[in-house]
Amino acid sequence: MANADKTERESSQLLLREAEEHYAGALEELIAMRLYFRDRTEISEAEIKRVTGNYTRATQTLFDERKKVEELERRNRGIVHDYAIDFDAVRGEIGSALDRLRAHRGPV
């Protein structure tokens, strides 16, 4: 069970890293496109406004999706409301408490 959880976490982390790289690349391309259109004089102002609007929407979508990826990553690490729960430590504490109770109770 723990091994399956570890494998799932690792594949989830790999997917999140790939998404992060994808978002970084897409943002770089959007910035390059913005700079390209900023320096054009042969393109009409209406076309520049249309492209700028598309750029703004694409950038906002990119950041919205990036936020979702960050939230998923936090959830996968067990972070809720800005603090992490260390489930392995909790399991260890519960196990040692049960061992102490069993030792105190004695053999049945």
PDB file of N, CA and C in Angstrom:
ATOM      1  N   MET A   1       0.830  -1.187   0.000  1.00  0.00           N
ATOM      2  CA  MET A   1       0.000   0.000   0.000  1.00  0.00           C
ATOM      3  C   MET A   1       0.872   1.246   0.000  1.00  0.00           C
ATOM      4  N   ALA A   2       1.862   1.311   0.905  1.00  0.00           N
ATOM      5  CA  ALA A   2       2.738   2.476   0.988  1.00  0.00           C
ATOM      6  C   ALA A   2       3.554   2.616  -0.289  1.00  0.00           C
ATOM      7  N   ASN A   3       3.959   1.470  -0.870  1.00  0.00           N
ATOM      8  CA  ASN A   3       4.728   1.500  -2.109  1.00  0.00           C
ATOM      9  C   ASN A   3       3.889   2.051  -3.259  1.00  0.00           C
ATOM     10  N   ALA A   4       2.614   1.681  -3.304  1.00  0.00           N
ATOM     11  CA  ALA A   4       1.717   2.197  -4.343  1.00  0.00           C
ATOM     12  C   ALA A   4       1.504   3.693  -4.165  1.00  0.00           C
ATOM     13  N   ASP A   5       1.366   4.147  -2.919  1.00  0.00           N
ATOM     14  CA  ASP A   5       1.215   5.580  -2.644  1.00  0.00           C
ATOM     15  C   ASP A   5       2.460   6.339  -3.091  1.00  0.00           C
ATOM     16  N   LYS A   6       3.636   5.763  -2.822  1.00  0.00           N
ATOM     17  CA  LYS A   6       4.892   6.410  -3.200  1.00  0.00           C
ATOM     18  C   LYS A   6       4.991   6.510  -4.717  1.00  0.00           C
ATOM     19  N   THR A   7       4.650   5.442  -5.428  1.00  0.00           N
ATOM     20  CA  THR A   7       4.689   5.446  -6.886  1.00  0.00           C
ATOM     21  C   THR A   7       3.717   6.464  -7.446  1.00  0.00           C
ATOM     22  N   GLU A   8       2.526   6.547  -6.855  1.00  0.00           N
ATOM     23  CA  GLU A   8       1.524   7.516  -7.306  1.00  0.00           C
ATOM     24  C   GLU A   8       2.015   8.937  -7.077  1.00  0.00           C
ATOM     25  N   ARG A   9       2.622   9.192  -5.911  1.00  0.00           N
ATOM     26  CA  ARG A   9       3.161  10.520  -5.620  1.00  0.00           C
ATOM     27  C   ARG A   9       4.270  10.890  -6.600  1.00  0.00           C
ATOM     28  N   GLU A  10       5.157   9.919  -6.899  1.00  0.00           N
ATOM     29  CA  GLU A  10       6.261  10.192  -7.818  1.00  0.00           C
ATOM     30  C   GLU A  10       5.755  10.508  -9.216  1.00  0.00           C
ATOM     31  N   SER A  11       4.771   9.752  -9.703  1.00  0.00           N
ATOM     32  CA  SER A  11       4.246  10.025 -11.043  1.00  0.00           C
ATOM     33  C   SER A  11       3.483  11.340 -11.064  1.00  0.00           C
ATOM     34  N   SER A  12       2.826  11.667  -9.970  1.00  0.00           N
ATOM     35  CA  SER A  12       2.133  12.946  -9.865  1.00  0.00           C
ATOM     36  C   SER A  12       3.140  14.091  -9.882  1.00  0.00           C
ATOM     37  N   GLN A  13       4.246  13.937  -9.157  1.00  0.00           N
ATOM     38  CA  GLN A  13       5.278  14.968  -9.134  1.00  0.00           C
ATOM     39  C   GLN A  13       5.907  15.133 -10.515  1.00  0.00           C
ATOM     40  N   LEU A  14       6.118  14.032 -11.225  1.00  0.00           N
ATOM     41  CA  LEU A  14       6.655  14.106 -12.573  1.00  0.00           C
ATOM     42  C   LEU A  14       5.709  14.872 -13.487  1.00  0.00           C
ATOM     43  N   LEU A  15       4.428  14.573 -13.401  1.00  0.00           N
ATOM     44  CA  LEU A  15       3.432  15.269 -14.206  1.00  0.00           C
ATOM     45  C   LEU A  15       3.408  16.759 -13.872  1.00  0.00           C
ATOM     46  N   LEU A  16       3.482  17.093 -12.605  1.00  0.00           N
ATOM     47  CA  LEU A  16       3.481  18.494 -12.197  1.00  0.00           C
ATOM     48  C   LEU A  16       4.721  19.224 -12.705  1.00  0.00           C
ATOM     49  N   ARG A  17       5.877  18.554 -12.659  1.00  0.00           N
ATOM     50  CA  ARG A  17       7.103  19.178 -13.186  1.00  0.00           C
ATOM     51  C   ARG A  17       6.987  19.425 -14.686  1.00  0.00           C
ATOM     52  N   GLU A  18       6.426  18.457 -15.411  1.00  0.00           N
ATOM     53  CA  GLU A  18       6.245  18.633 -16.851  1.00  0.00           C
ATOM     54  C   GLU A  18       5.280  19.776 -17.146  1.00  0.00           C
ATOM     55  N   ALA A  19       4.207  19.869 -16.378  1.00  0.00           N
ATOM     56  CA  ALA A  19       3.251  20.969 -16.564  1.00  0.00           C
ATOM     57  C   ALA A  19       3.926  22.302 -16.288  1.00  0.00           C
ATOM     58  N   GLU A  20       4.751  22.347 -15.260  1.00  0.00           N
ATOM     59  CA  GLU A  20       5.462  23.576 -14.915  1.00  0.00           C
ATOM     60  C   GLU A  20       6.391  23.998 -16.052  1.00  0.00           C
ATOM     61  N   GLU A  21       7.111  23.042 -16.629  1.00  0.00           N
ATOM     62  CA  GLU A  21       7.992  23.346 -17.767  1.00  0.00           C
ATOM     63  C   GLU A  21       7.178  23.831 -18.960  1.00  0.00           C
ATOM     64  N   HIS A  22       6.038  23.203 -19.193  1.00  0.00           N
ATOM     65  CA  HIS A  22       5.161  23.604 -20.299  1.00  0.00           C
ATOM     66  C   HIS A  22       4.679  25.039 -20.099  1.00  0.00           C
ATOM     67  N   TYR A  23       4.244  25.373 -18.889  1.00  0.00           N
ATOM     68  CA  TYR A  23       3.752  26.722 -18.610  1.00  0.00           C
ATOM     69  C   TYR A  23       4.865  27.751 -18.778  1.00  0.00           C
ATOM     70  N   ALA A  24       6.071  27.417 -18.314  1.00  0.00           N
ATOM     71  CA  ALA A  24       7.198  28.346 -18.448  1.00  0.00           C
ATOM     72  C   ALA A  24       7.504  28.596 -19.920  1.00  0.00           C
ATOM     73  N   GLY A  25       7.502  27.537 -20.730  1.00  0.00           N
ATOM     74  CA  GLY A  25       7.751  27.692 -22.166  1.00  0.00           C
ATOM     75  C   GLY A  25       6.667  28.499 -22.851  1.00  0.00           C
ATOM     76  N   ALA A  26       5.423  28.230 -22.512  1.00  0.00           N
ATOM     77  CA  ALA A  26       4.307  28.964 -23.120  1.00  0.00           C
ATOM     78  C   ALA A  26       4.375  30.442 -22.753  1.00  0.00           C
ATOM     79  N   LEU A  27       4.732  30.735 -21.516  1.00  0.00           N
ATOM     80  CA  LEU A  27       4.848  32.129 -21.096  1.00  0.00           C
ATOM     81  C   LEU A  27       5.963  32.832 -21.865  1.00  0.00           C
ATOM     82  N   GLU A  28       7.082  32.160 -22.053  1.00  0.00           N
ATOM     83  CA  GLU A  28       8.178  32.735 -22.838  1.00  0.00           C
ATOM     84  C   GLU A  28       7.716  33.053 -24.258  1.00  0.00           C
ATOM     85  N   GLU A  29       6.972  32.146 -24.873  1.00  0.00           N
ATOM     86  CA  GLU A  29       6.466  32.367 -26.225  1.00  0.00           C
ATOM     87  C   GLU A  29       5.484  33.533 -26.269  1.00  0.00           C
ATOM     88  N   LEU A  30       4.631  33.636 -25.273  1.00  0.00           N
ATOM     89  CA  LEU A  30       3.689  34.756 -25.221  1.00  0.00           C
ATOM     90  C   LEU A  30       4.421  36.096 -25.074  1.00  0.00           C
ATOM     91  N   ILE A  31       5.459  36.116 -24.278  1.00  0.00           N
ATOM     92  CA  ILE A  31       6.240  37.349 -24.101  1.00  0.00           C
ATOM     93  C   ILE A  31       6.930  37.714 -25.414  1.00  0.00           C
ATOM     94  N   ALA A  32       7.504  36.720 -26.088  1.00  0.00           N
ATOM     95  CA  ALA A  32       8.161  36.976 -27.375  1.00  0.00           C
ATOM     96  C   ALA A  32       7.154  37.522 -28.393  1.00  0.00           C
ATOM     97  N   MET A  33       5.947  36.956 -28.409  1.00  0.00           N
ATOM     98  CA  MET A  33       4.917  37.430 -29.327  1.00  0.00           C
ATOM     99  C   MET A  33       4.542  38.874 -29.014  1.00  0.00           C
ATOM    100  N   ARG A  34       4.409  39.188 -27.748  1.00  0.00           N
ATOM    101  CA  ARG A  34       4.063  40.551 -27.349  1.00  0.00           C
ATOM    102  C   ARG A  34       5.134  41.538 -27.808  1.00  0.00           C
ATOM    103  N   LEU A  35       6.394  41.178 -27.607  1.00  0.00           N
ATOM    104  CA  LEU A  35       7.488  42.050 -28.027  1.00  0.00           C
ATOM    105  C   LEU A  35       7.518  42.216 -29.546  1.00  0.00           C
ATOM    106  N   TYR A  36       7.224  41.145 -30.261  1.00  0.00           N
ATOM    107  CA  TYR A  36       7.194  41.203 -31.726  1.00  0.00           C
ATOM    108  C   TYR A  36       6.137  42.199 -32.196  1.00  0.00           C
ATOM    109  N   PHE A  37       4.948  42.112 -31.663  1.00  0.00           N
ATOM    110  CA  PHE A  37       3.864  42.994 -32.104  1.00  0.00           C
ATOM    111  C   PHE A  37       4.054  44.434 -31.626  1.00  0.00           C
ATOM    112  N   ARG A  38       4.765  44.619 -30.532  1.00  0.00           N
ATOM    113  CA  ARG A  38       5.000  45.967 -30.029  1.00  0.00           C
ATOM    114  C   ARG A  38       5.826  46.792 -31.025  1.00  0.00           C
ATOM    115  N   ASP A  39       6.750  46.140 -31.711  1.00  0.00           N
ATOM    116  CA  ASP A  39       7.666  46.836 -32.619  1.00  0.00           C
ATOM    117  C   ASP A  39       7.164  46.924 -34.064  1.00  0.00           C
ATOM    118  N   ARG A  40       5.993  46.429 -34.359  1.00  0.00           N
ATOM    119  CA  ARG A  40       5.478  46.445 -35.744  1.00  0.00           C
ATOM    120  C   ARG A  40       4.818  47.777 -36.054  1.00  0.00           C
ATOM    121  N   THR A  41       5.175  48.339 -37.204  1.00  0.00           N
ATOM    122  CA  THR A  41       4.526  49.568 -37.664  1.00  0.00           C
ATOM    123  C   THR A  41       3.635  49.296 -38.868  1.00  0.00           C
ATOM    124  N   GLU A  42       3.850  48.161 -39.533  1.00  0.00           N
ATOM    125  CA  GLU A  42       3.067  47.844 -40.724  1.00  0.00           C
ATOM    126  C   GLU A  42       1.723  47.171 -40.408  1.00  0.00           C
ATOM    127  N   ILE A  43       1.481  46.893 -39.149  1.00  0.00           N
ATOM    128  CA  ILE A  43       0.235  46.235 -38.742  1.00  0.00           C
ATOM    129  C   ILE A  43      -0.725  47.304 -38.219  1.00  0.00           C
ATOM    130  N   SER A  44      -1.988  47.160 -38.592  1.00  0.00           N
ATOM    131  CA  SER A  44      -2.980  48.165 -38.184  1.00  0.00           C
ATOM    132  C   SER A  44      -3.185  48.152 -36.671  1.00  0.00           C
ATOM    133  N   GLU A  45      -3.622  49.285 -36.164  1.00  0.00           N
ATOM    134  CA  GLU A  45      -3.851  49.412 -34.717  1.00  0.00           C
ATOM    135  C   GLU A  45      -4.945  48.455 -34.252  1.00  0.00           C
ATOM    136  N   ALA A  46      -5.969  48.260 -35.086  1.00  0.00           N
ATOM    137  CA  ALA A  46      -7.061  47.333 -34.735  1.00  0.00           C
ATOM    138  C   ALA A  46      -6.527  45.910 -34.598  1.00  0.00           C
ATOM    139  N   GLU A  47      -5.636  45.523 -35.499  1.00  0.00           N
ATOM    140  CA  GLU A  47      -5.060  44.171 -35.439  1.00  0.00           C
ATOM    141  C   GLU A  47      -4.184  44.029 -34.188  1.00  0.00           C
ATOM    142  N   ILE A  48      -3.430  45.061 -33.872  1.00  0.00           N
ATOM    143  CA  ILE A  48      -2.593  45.014 -32.672  1.00  0.00           C
ATOM    144  C   ILE A  48      -3.470  44.907 -31.424  1.00  0.00           C
ATOM    145  N   LYS A  49      -4.575  45.637 -31.384  1.00  0.00           N
ATOM    146  CA  LYS A  49      -5.491  45.548 -30.238  1.00  0.00           C
ATOM    147  C   LYS A  49      -6.096  44.152 -30.132  1.00  0.00           C
ATOM    148  N   ARG A  50      -6.444  43.571 -31.272  1.00  0.00           N
ATOM    149  CA  ARG A  50      -7.013  42.213 -31.273  1.00  0.00           C
ATOM    150  C   ARG A  50      -5.987  41.219 -30.727  1.00  0.00           C
ATOM    151  N   VAL A  51      -4.764  41.313 -31.217  1.00  0.00           N
ATOM    152  CA  VAL A  51      -3.709  40.398 -30.781  1.00  0.00           C
ATOM    153  C   VAL A  51      -3.382  40.637 -29.312  1.00  0.00           C
ATOM    154  N   THR A  52      -3.338  41.888 -28.904  1.00  0.00           N
ATOM    155  CA  THR A  52      -3.064  42.213 -27.508  1.00  0.00           C
ATOM    156  C   THR A  52      -4.145  41.644 -26.593  1.00  0.00           C
ATOM    157  N   GLY A  53      -5.398  41.744 -27.015  1.00  0.00           N
ATOM    158  CA  GLY A  53      -6.492  41.161 -26.235  1.00  0.00           C
ATOM    159  C   GLY A  53      -6.352  39.653 -26.116  1.00  0.00           C
ATOM    160  N   ASN A  54      -6.005  39.017 -27.240  1.00  0.00           N
ATOM    161  CA  ASN A  54      -5.789  37.565 -27.210  1.00  0.00           C
ATOM    162  C   ASN A  54      -4.619  37.215 -26.296  1.00  0.00           C
ATOM    163  N   TYR A  55      -3.568  38.019 -26.354  1.00  0.00           N
ATOM    164  CA  TYR A  55      -2.404  37.807 -25.495  1.00  0.00           C
ATOM    165  C   TYR A  55      -2.804  37.895 -24.017  1.00  0.00           C
ATOM    166  N   THR A  56      -3.573  38.919 -23.693  1.00  0.00           N
ATOM    167  CA  THR A  56      -4.001  39.115 -22.304  1.00  0.00           C
ATOM    168  C   THR A  56      -4.820  37.922 -21.818  1.00  0.00           C
ATOM    169  N   ARG A  57      -5.760  37.466 -22.637  1.00  0.00           N
ATOM    170  CA  ARG A  57      -6.585  36.312 -22.249  1.00  0.00           C
ATOM    171  C   ARG A  57      -5.734  35.043 -22.125  1.00  0.00           C
ATOM    172  N   ALA A  58      -4.823  34.844 -23.063  1.00  0.00           N
ATOM    173  CA  ALA A  58      -3.969  33.655 -23.015  1.00  0.00           C
ATOM    174  C   ALA A  58      -3.079  33.671 -21.779  1.00  0.00           C
ATOM    175  N   THR A  59      -2.533  34.836 -21.454  1.00  0.00           N
ATOM    176  CA  THR A  59      -1.681  34.953 -20.271  1.00  0.00           C
ATOM    177  C   THR A  59      -2.480  34.679 -19.006  1.00  0.00           C
ATOM    178  N   GLN A  60      -3.692  35.231 -18.928  1.00  0.00           N
ATOM    179  CA  GLN A  60      -4.521  34.998 -17.746  1.00  0.00           C
ATOM    180  C   GLN A  60      -4.877  33.521 -17.614  1.00  0.00           C
ATOM    181  N   THR A  61      -5.223  32.890 -18.720  1.00  0.00           N
ATOM    182  CA  THR A  61      -5.523  31.454 -18.701  1.00  0.00           C
ATOM    183  C   THR A  61      -4.311  30.664 -18.228  1.00  0.00           C
ATOM    184  N   LEU A  62      -3.145  31.046 -18.725  1.00  0.00           N
ATOM    185  CA  LEU A  62      -1.912  30.375 -18.331  1.00  0.00           C
ATOM    186  C   LEU A  62      -1.694  30.473 -16.822  1.00  0.00           C
ATOM    187  N   PHE A  63      -1.870  31.671 -16.265  1.00  0.00           N
ATOM    188  CA  PHE A  63      -1.679  31.836 -14.829  1.00  0.00           C
ATOM    189  C   PHE A  63      -2.763  31.125 -14.026  1.00  0.00           C
ATOM    190  N   ASP A  64      -3.989  31.100 -14.525  1.00  0.00           N
ATOM    191  CA  ASP A  64      -5.061  30.360 -13.838  1.00  0.00           C
ATOM    192  C   ASP A  64      -4.737  28.880 -13.781  1.00  0.00           C
ATOM    193  N   GLU A  65      -4.277  28.333 -14.904  1.00  0.00           N
ATOM    194  CA  GLU A  65      -3.932  26.912 -14.938  1.00  0.00           C
ATOM    195  C   GLU A  65      -2.722  26.628 -14.053  1.00  0.00           C
ATOM    196  N   ARG A  66      -1.762  27.537 -14.040  1.00  0.00           N
ATOM    197  CA  ARG A  66      -0.582  27.366 -13.193  1.00  0.00           C
ATOM    198  C   ARG A  66      -0.996  27.332 -11.722  1.00  0.00           C
ATOM    199  N   LYS A  67      -1.950  28.172 -11.358  1.00  0.00           N
ATOM    200  CA  LYS A  67      -2.431  28.190  -9.974  1.00  0.00           C
ATOM    201  C   LYS A  67      -3.075  26.850  -9.619  1.00  0.00           C
ATOM    202  N   LYS A  68      -3.833  26.278 -10.559  1.00  0.00           N
ATOM    203  CA  LYS A  68      -4.451  24.970 -10.315  1.00  0.00           C
ATOM    204  C   LYS A  68      -3.380  23.909 -10.100  1.00  0.00           C
ATOM    205  N   VAL A  69      -2.306  23.958 -10.894  1.00  0.00           N
ATOM    206  CA  VAL A  69      -1.218  22.987 -10.754  1.00  0.00           C
ATOM    207  C   VAL A  69      -0.550  23.146  -9.389  1.00  0.00           C
ATOM    208  N   GLU A  70      -0.320  24.392  -8.968  1.00  0.00           N
ATOM    209  CA  GLU A  70       0.279  24.625  -7.652  1.00  0.00           C
ATOM    210  C   GLU A  70      -0.604  24.088  -6.532  1.00  0.00           C
ATOM    211  N   GLU A  71      -1.909  24.296  -6.643  1.00  0.00           N
ATOM    212  CA  GLU A  71      -2.827  23.794  -5.619  1.00  0.00           C
ATOM    213  C   GLU A  71      -2.829  22.269  -5.588  1.00  0.00           C
ATOM    214  N   LEU A  72      -2.778  21.650  -6.765  1.00  0.00           N
ATOM    215  CA  LEU A  72      -2.730  20.189  -6.825  1.00  0.00           C
ATOM    216  C   LEU A  72      -1.438  19.678  -6.196  1.00  0.00           C
ATOM    217  N   GLU A  73      -0.339  20.345  -6.481  1.00  0.00           N
ATOM    218  CA  GLU A  73       0.941  19.939  -5.904  1.00  0.00           C
ATOM    219  C   GLU A  73       0.906  20.054  -4.384  1.00  0.00           C
ATOM    220  N   ARG A  74       0.339  21.144  -3.878  1.00  0.00           N
ATOM    221  CA  ARG A  74       0.225  21.318  -2.426  1.00  0.00           C
ATOM    222  C   ARG A  74      -0.630  20.218  -1.813  1.00  0.00           C
ATOM    223  N   ARG A  75      -1.748  19.893  -2.473  1.00  0.00           N
ATOM    224  CA  ARG A  75      -2.623  18.831  -1.952  1.00  0.00           C
ATOM    225  C   ARG A  75      -1.888  17.502  -1.942  1.00  0.00           C
ATOM    226  N   ASN A  76      -1.115  17.231  -2.997  1.00  0.00           N
ATOM    227  CA  ASN A  76      -0.381  15.964  -3.074  1.00  0.00           C
ATOM    228  C   ASN A  76       0.693  15.871  -2.001  1.00  0.00           C
ATOM    229  N   ARG A  77       1.236  17.003  -1.573  1.00  0.00           N
ATOM    230  CA  ARG A  77       2.224  17.000  -0.504  1.00  0.00           C
ATOM    231  C   ARG A  77       1.571  16.999   0.868  1.00  0.00           C
ATOM    232  N   GLY A  78       0.237  17.102   0.924  1.00  0.00           N
ATOM    233  CA  GLY A  78      -0.472  17.082   2.203  1.00  0.00           C
ATOM    234  C   GLY A  78      -0.582  18.438   2.847  1.00  0.00           C
ATOM    235  N   ILE A  79      -0.394  19.499   2.069  1.00  0.00           N
ATOM    236  CA  ILE A  79      -0.474  20.843   2.631  1.00  0.00           C
ATOM    237  C   ILE A  79      -1.906  21.335   2.528  1.00  0.00           C
ATOM    238  N   VAL A  80      -2.470  21.648   3.686  1.00  0.00           N
ATOM    239  CA  VAL A  80      -3.832  22.155   3.745  1.00  0.00           C
ATOM    240  C   VAL A  80      -3.799  23.429   4.572  1.00  0.00           C
ATOM    241  N   HIS A  81      -4.375  24.486   4.058  1.00  0.00           N
ATOM    242  CA  HIS A  81      -4.417  25.767   4.773  1.00  0.00           C
ATOM    243  C   HIS A  81      -3.010  26.207   5.197  1.00  0.00           C
ATOM    244  N   ASP A  82      -2.049  26.072   4.299  1.00  0.00           N
ATOM    245  CA  ASP A  82      -0.665  26.535   4.484  1.00  0.00           C
ATOM    246  C   ASP A  82       0.125  25.785   5.545  1.00  0.00           C
ATOM    247  N   TYR A  83      -0.261  24.614   5.918  1.00  0.00           N
ATOM    248  CA  TYR A  83       0.591  23.803   6.769  1.00  0.00           C
ATOM    249  C   TYR A  83       0.483  22.345   6.316  1.00  0.00           C
ATOM    250  N   ALA A  84       1.554  21.603   6.546  1.00  0.00           N
ATOM    251  CA  ALA A  84       1.637  20.229   6.068  1.00  0.00           C
ATOM    252  C   ALA A  84       1.348  19.249   7.197  1.00  0.00           C
ATOM    253  N   ILE A  85       0.725  18.174   6.832  1.00  0.00           N
ATOM    254  CA  ILE A  85       0.479  17.078   7.761  1.00  0.00           C
ATOM    255  C   ILE A  85       1.432  15.959   7.372  1.00  0.00           C
ATOM    256  N   ASP A  86       2.278  15.557   8.287  1.00  0.00           N
ATOM    257  CA  ASP A  86       3.227  14.479   8.030  1.00  0.00           C
ATOM    258  C   ASP A  86       2.566  13.170   8.462  1.00  0.00           C
ATOM    259  N   PHE A  87       1.938  12.514   7.501  1.00  0.00           N
ATOM    260  CA  PHE A  87       1.179  11.309   7.816  1.00  0.00           C
ATOM    261  C   PHE A  87       2.080  10.178   8.304  1.00  0.00           C
ATOM    262  N   ASP A  88       3.313  10.103   7.817  1.00  0.00           N
ATOM    263  CA  ASP A  88       4.228   9.065   8.287  1.00  0.00           C
ATOM    264  C   ASP A  88       4.540   9.273   9.777  1.00  0.00           C
ATOM    265  N   ALA A  89       4.747  10.521  10.169  1.00  0.00           N
ATOM    266  CA  ALA A  89       5.023  10.805  11.578  1.00  0.00           C
ATOM    267  C   ALA A  89       3.801  10.501  12.438  1.00  0.00           C
ATOM    268  N   VAL A  90       2.622  10.827  11.940  1.00  0.00           N
ATOM    269  CA  VAL A  90       1.382  10.548  12.680  1.00  0.00           C
ATOM    270  C   VAL A  90       1.212   9.043  12.861  1.00  0.00           C
ATOM    271  N   ARG A  91       1.462   8.275  11.766  1.00  0.00           N
ATOM    272  CA  ARG A  91       1.360   6.819  11.873  1.00  0.00           C
ATOM    273  C   ARG A  91       2.343   6.287  12.910  1.00  0.00           C
ATOM    274  N   GLY A  92       3.558   6.817  12.907  1.00  0.00           N
ATOM    275  CA  GLY A  92       4.567   6.382  13.874  1.00  0.00           C
ATOM    276  C   GLY A  92       4.144   6.691  15.303  1.00  0.00           C
ATOM    277  N   GLU A  93       3.591   7.888  15.504  1.00  0.00           N
ATOM    278  CA  GLU A  93       3.124   8.262  16.843  1.00  0.00           C
ATOM    279  C   GLU A  93       2.012   7.354  17.322  1.00  0.00           C
ATOM    280  N   ILE A  94       1.052   7.098  16.451  1.00  0.00           N
ATOM    281  CA  ILE A  94      -0.072   6.226  16.818  1.00  0.00           C
ATOM    282  C   ILE A  94       0.430   4.822  17.109  1.00  0.00           C
ATOM    283  N   GLY A  95       1.337   4.336  16.273  1.00  0.00           N
ATOM    284  CA  GLY A  95       1.883   2.992  16.491  1.00  0.00           C
ATOM    285  C   GLY A  95       2.609   2.880  17.814  1.00  0.00           C
ATOM    286  N   SER A  96       3.418   3.892  18.149  1.00  0.00           N
ATOM    287  CA  SER A  96       4.154   3.822  19.422  1.00  0.00           C
ATOM    288  C   SER A  96       3.194   3.963  20.611  1.00  0.00           C
ATOM    289  N   ALA A  97       2.148   4.769  20.467  1.00  0.00           N
ATOM    290  CA  ALA A  97       1.156   4.886  21.543  1.00  0.00           C
ATOM    291  C   ALA A  97       0.448   3.544  21.753  1.00  0.00           C
ATOM    292  N   LEU A  98       0.101   2.884  20.663  1.00  0.00           N
ATOM    293  CA  LEU A  98      -0.538   1.559  20.782  1.00  0.00           C
ATOM    294  C   LEU A  98       0.419   0.559  21.410  1.00  0.00           C
ATOM    295  N   ASP A  99       1.702   0.615  21.049  1.00  0.00           N
ATOM    296  CA  ASP A  99       2.688  -0.290  21.657  1.00  0.00           C
ATOM    297  C   ASP A  99       2.802  -0.057  23.162  1.00  0.00           C
ATOM    298  N   ARG A 100       2.795   1.209  23.574  1.00  0.00           N
ATOM    299  CA  ARG A 100       2.871   1.512  25.014  1.00  0.00           C
ATOM    300  C   ARG A 100       1.630   0.997  25.741  1.00  0.00           C
ATOM    301  N   LEU A 101       0.459   1.172  25.109  1.00  0.00           N
ATOM    302  CA  LEU A 101      -0.779   0.666  25.732  1.00  0.00           C
ATOM    303  C   LEU A 101      -0.739  -0.856  25.864  1.00  0.00           C
ATOM    304  N   ARG A 102      -0.273  -1.536  24.829  1.00  0.00           N
ATOM    305  CA  ARG A 102      -0.182  -2.999  24.876  1.00  0.00           C
ATOM    306  C   ARG A 102       0.800  -3.439  25.952  1.00  0.00           C
ATOM    307  N   ALA A 103       1.933  -2.743  26.040  1.00  0.00           N
ATOM    308  CA  ALA A 103       2.943  -3.099  27.046  1.00  0.00           C
ATOM    309  C   ALA A 103       2.401  -2.855  28.457  1.00  0.00           C
ATOM    310  N   HIS A 104       1.685  -1.791  28.632  1.00  0.00           N
ATOM    311  CA  HIS A 104       1.106  -1.468  29.941  1.00  0.00           C
ATOM    312  C   HIS A 104       0.042  -2.481  30.334  1.00  0.00           C
ATOM    313  N   ARG A 105      -0.752  -2.887  29.359  1.00  0.00           N
ATOM    314  CA  ARG A 105      -1.823  -3.841  29.623  1.00  0.00           C
ATOM    315  C   ARG A 105      -1.256  -5.211  29.968  1.00  0.00           C
ATOM    316  N   GLY A 106      -0.151  -5.541  29.358  1.00  0.00           N
ATOM    317  CA  GLY A 106       0.455  -6.846  29.624  1.00  0.00           C
ATOM    318  C   GLY A 106      -0.150  -7.920  28.719  1.00  0.00           C
ATOM    319  N   PRO A 107       0.345  -9.149  28.855  1.00  0.00           N
ATOM    320  CA  PRO A 107      -0.169 -10.227  28.017  1.00  0.00           C
ATOM    321  C   PRO A 107      -1.608 -10.571  28.368  1.00  0.00           C
ATOM    322  N   VAL A 108      -2.334 -10.923  27.334  1.00  0.00           N
ATOM    323  CA  VAL A 108      -3.742 -11.239  27.545  1.00  0.00           C
ATOM    324  C   VAL A 108      -3.935 -12.710  27.743  1.00  0.00           C
TER     325      VAL A 108
END
